[in-house]
Amino acid sequence: MIKNNKSEYVLCVDNKDCEDLEKRKIYQVLPDEDAKQEGYMRIIDESGEDYLYPESYFIPIQLSREAQDALCITA
């Protein structure tokens, strides 16, 4: 994956019935307009894969470029 200065990150505030999410942890969001229209977000979770989760499980956060670089997942 190429580093993207417009990466979006969220803070997990709920993980009901989700073993691959941890509360109070930051996750990267992948763009998915179809999922967003249905109230979901595509998140790279603890498995390292991307899955859809309810938007209500997260709150958006803004990170500095340095923090984004540190969190950016690269192939």
C-alpha atoms as a PDB file:
ATOM      1  CA  MET A   1       0.000   0.000   0.000  1.00  0.00           C
ATOM      2  CA  ILE A   2       1.262   3.448  -0.872  1.00  0.00           C
ATOM      3  CA  LYS A   3       1.392   5.997   1.907  1.00  0.00           C
ATOM      4  CA  ASN A   4      -1.395   8.501   1.519  1.00  0.00           C
ATOM      5  CA  ASN A   5      -1.381  11.930   3.160  1.00  0.00           C
ATOM      6  CA  LYS A   6      -5.182  11.812   3.227  1.00  0.00           C
ATOM      7  CA  SER A   7      -5.428   8.646   5.289  1.00  0.00           C
ATOM      8  CA  GLU A   8      -8.361   8.575   7.645  1.00  0.00           C
ATOM      9  CA  TYR A   9      -8.112   7.198  11.165  1.00  0.00           C
ATOM     10  CA  VAL A  10     -10.693   6.445  13.818  1.00  0.00           C
ATOM     11  CA  LEU A  11     -10.715   5.563  17.499  1.00  0.00           C
ATOM     12  CA  CYS A  12     -12.615   2.405  18.447  1.00  0.00           C
ATOM     13  CA  VAL A  13     -15.184   3.119  21.181  1.00  0.00           C
ATOM     14  CA  ASP A  14     -17.218  -0.117  20.931  1.00  0.00           C
ATOM     15  CA  ASN A  15     -16.353  -3.664  19.915  1.00  0.00           C
ATOM     16  CA  LYS A  16     -19.533  -5.592  20.670  1.00  0.00           C
ATOM     17  CA  ASP A  17     -19.189  -9.149  19.312  1.00  0.00           C
ATOM     18  CA  CYS A  18     -15.963  -8.256  17.440  1.00  0.00           C
ATOM     19  CA  GLU A  19     -12.858 -10.171  18.426  1.00  0.00           C
ATOM     20  CA  ASP A  20     -10.689  -8.302  15.927  1.00  0.00           C
ATOM     21  CA  LEU A  21     -11.293  -4.815  17.368  1.00  0.00           C
ATOM     22  CA  GLU A  22      -9.895  -3.346  20.575  1.00  0.00           C
ATOM     23  CA  LYS A  23     -11.542  -0.455  22.395  1.00  0.00           C
ATOM     24  CA  ARG A  24      -9.424   2.701  22.685  1.00  0.00           C
ATOM     25  CA  LYS A  25      -7.243   1.676  19.742  1.00  0.00           C
ATOM     26  CA  ILE A  26      -6.650   3.663  16.539  1.00  0.00           C
ATOM     27  CA  TYR A  27      -7.568   2.039  13.225  1.00  0.00           C
ATOM     28  CA  GLN A  28      -7.049   3.045   9.614  1.00  0.00           C
ATOM     29  CA  VAL A  29     -10.130   3.495   7.439  1.00  0.00           C
ATOM     30  CA  LEU A  30     -10.164   2.477   3.791  1.00  0.00           C
ATOM     31  CA  PRO A  31     -12.420   4.381   1.383  1.00  0.00           C
ATOM     32  CA  ASP A  32     -15.692   2.536   0.649  1.00  0.00           C
ATOM     33  CA  GLU A  33     -18.571   4.787  -0.386  1.00  0.00           C
ATOM     34  CA  ASP A  34     -21.059   1.897  -0.673  1.00  0.00           C
ATOM     35  CA  ALA A  35     -20.350   0.809   2.901  1.00  0.00           C
ATOM     36  CA  LYS A  36     -20.585   4.408   4.143  1.00  0.00           C
ATOM     37  CA  GLN A  37     -24.059   4.779   2.605  1.00  0.00           C
ATOM     38  CA  GLU A  38     -25.129   1.702   4.594  1.00  0.00           C
ATOM     39  CA  GLY A  39     -23.670   3.025   7.884  1.00  0.00           C
ATOM     40  CA  TYR A  40     -20.472   0.962   7.855  1.00  0.00           C
ATOM     41  CA  MET A  41     -16.742   1.662   7.656  1.00  0.00           C
ATOM     42  CA  ARG A  42     -14.044  -0.479   6.052  1.00  0.00           C
ATOM     43  CA  ILE A  43     -11.419  -0.874   8.788  1.00  0.00           C
ATOM     44  CA  ILE A  44      -8.049  -2.620   8.846  1.00  0.00           C
ATOM     45  CA  ASP A  45      -8.538  -4.600  12.042  1.00  0.00           C
ATOM     46  CA  GLU A  46      -6.310  -6.723  14.306  1.00  0.00           C
ATOM     47  CA  SER A  47      -6.256  -9.557  11.755  1.00  0.00           C
ATOM     48  CA  GLY A  48      -4.453  -7.204   9.355  1.00  0.00           C
ATOM     49  CA  GLU A  49      -7.311  -7.515   6.862  1.00  0.00           C
ATOM     50  CA  ASP A  50     -10.035  -5.019   6.058  1.00  0.00           C
ATOM     51  CA  TYR A  51     -13.620  -5.676   7.116  1.00  0.00           C
ATOM     52  CA  LEU A  52     -16.831  -3.708   7.466  1.00  0.00           C
ATOM     53  CA  TYR A  53     -17.890  -2.510  10.910  1.00  0.00           C
ATOM     54  CA  PRO A  54     -20.711  -0.221  12.066  1.00  0.00           C
ATOM     55  CA  GLU A  55     -19.758   3.468  12.011  1.00  0.00           C
ATOM     56  CA  SER A  56     -21.097   3.747  15.569  1.00  0.00           C
ATOM     57  CA  TYR A  57     -18.121   1.694  16.815  1.00  0.00           C
ATOM     58  CA  PHE A  58     -15.727   4.557  15.980  1.00  0.00           C
ATOM     59  CA  ILE A  59     -15.117   8.263  16.298  1.00  0.00           C
ATOM     60  CA  PRO A  60     -13.004  10.100  13.709  1.00  0.00           C
ATOM     61  CA  ILE A  61      -9.688  11.552  14.829  1.00  0.00           C
ATOM     62  CA  GLN A  62      -7.090  13.798  13.215  1.00  0.00           C
ATOM     63  CA  LEU A  63      -3.446  12.820  13.424  1.00  0.00           C
ATOM     64  CA  SER A  64      -0.298  14.737  12.606  1.00  0.00           C
ATOM     65  CA  ARG A  65       1.606  13.659   9.500  1.00  0.00           C
ATOM     66  CA  GLU A  66       4.275  12.096  11.745  1.00  0.00           C
ATOM     67  CA  ALA A  67       1.670  10.022  13.589  1.00  0.00           C
ATOM     68  CA  GLN A  68       0.086   8.939  10.296  1.00  0.00           C
ATOM     69  CA  ASP A  69       3.490   7.873   8.961  1.00  0.00           C
ATOM     70  CA  ALA A  70       4.117   5.861  12.111  1.00  0.00           C
ATOM     71  CA  LEU A  71       0.723   4.114  11.833  1.00  0.00           C
ATOM     72  CA  CYS A  72       0.668   3.679   8.040  1.00  0.00           C
ATOM     73  CA  ILE A  73       0.476   0.059   6.957  1.00  0.00           C
ATOM     74  CA  THR A  74       2.888  -0.712   4.156  1.00  0.00           C
ATOM     75  CA  ALA A  75       3.224  -3.809   2.023  1.00  0.00           C
END
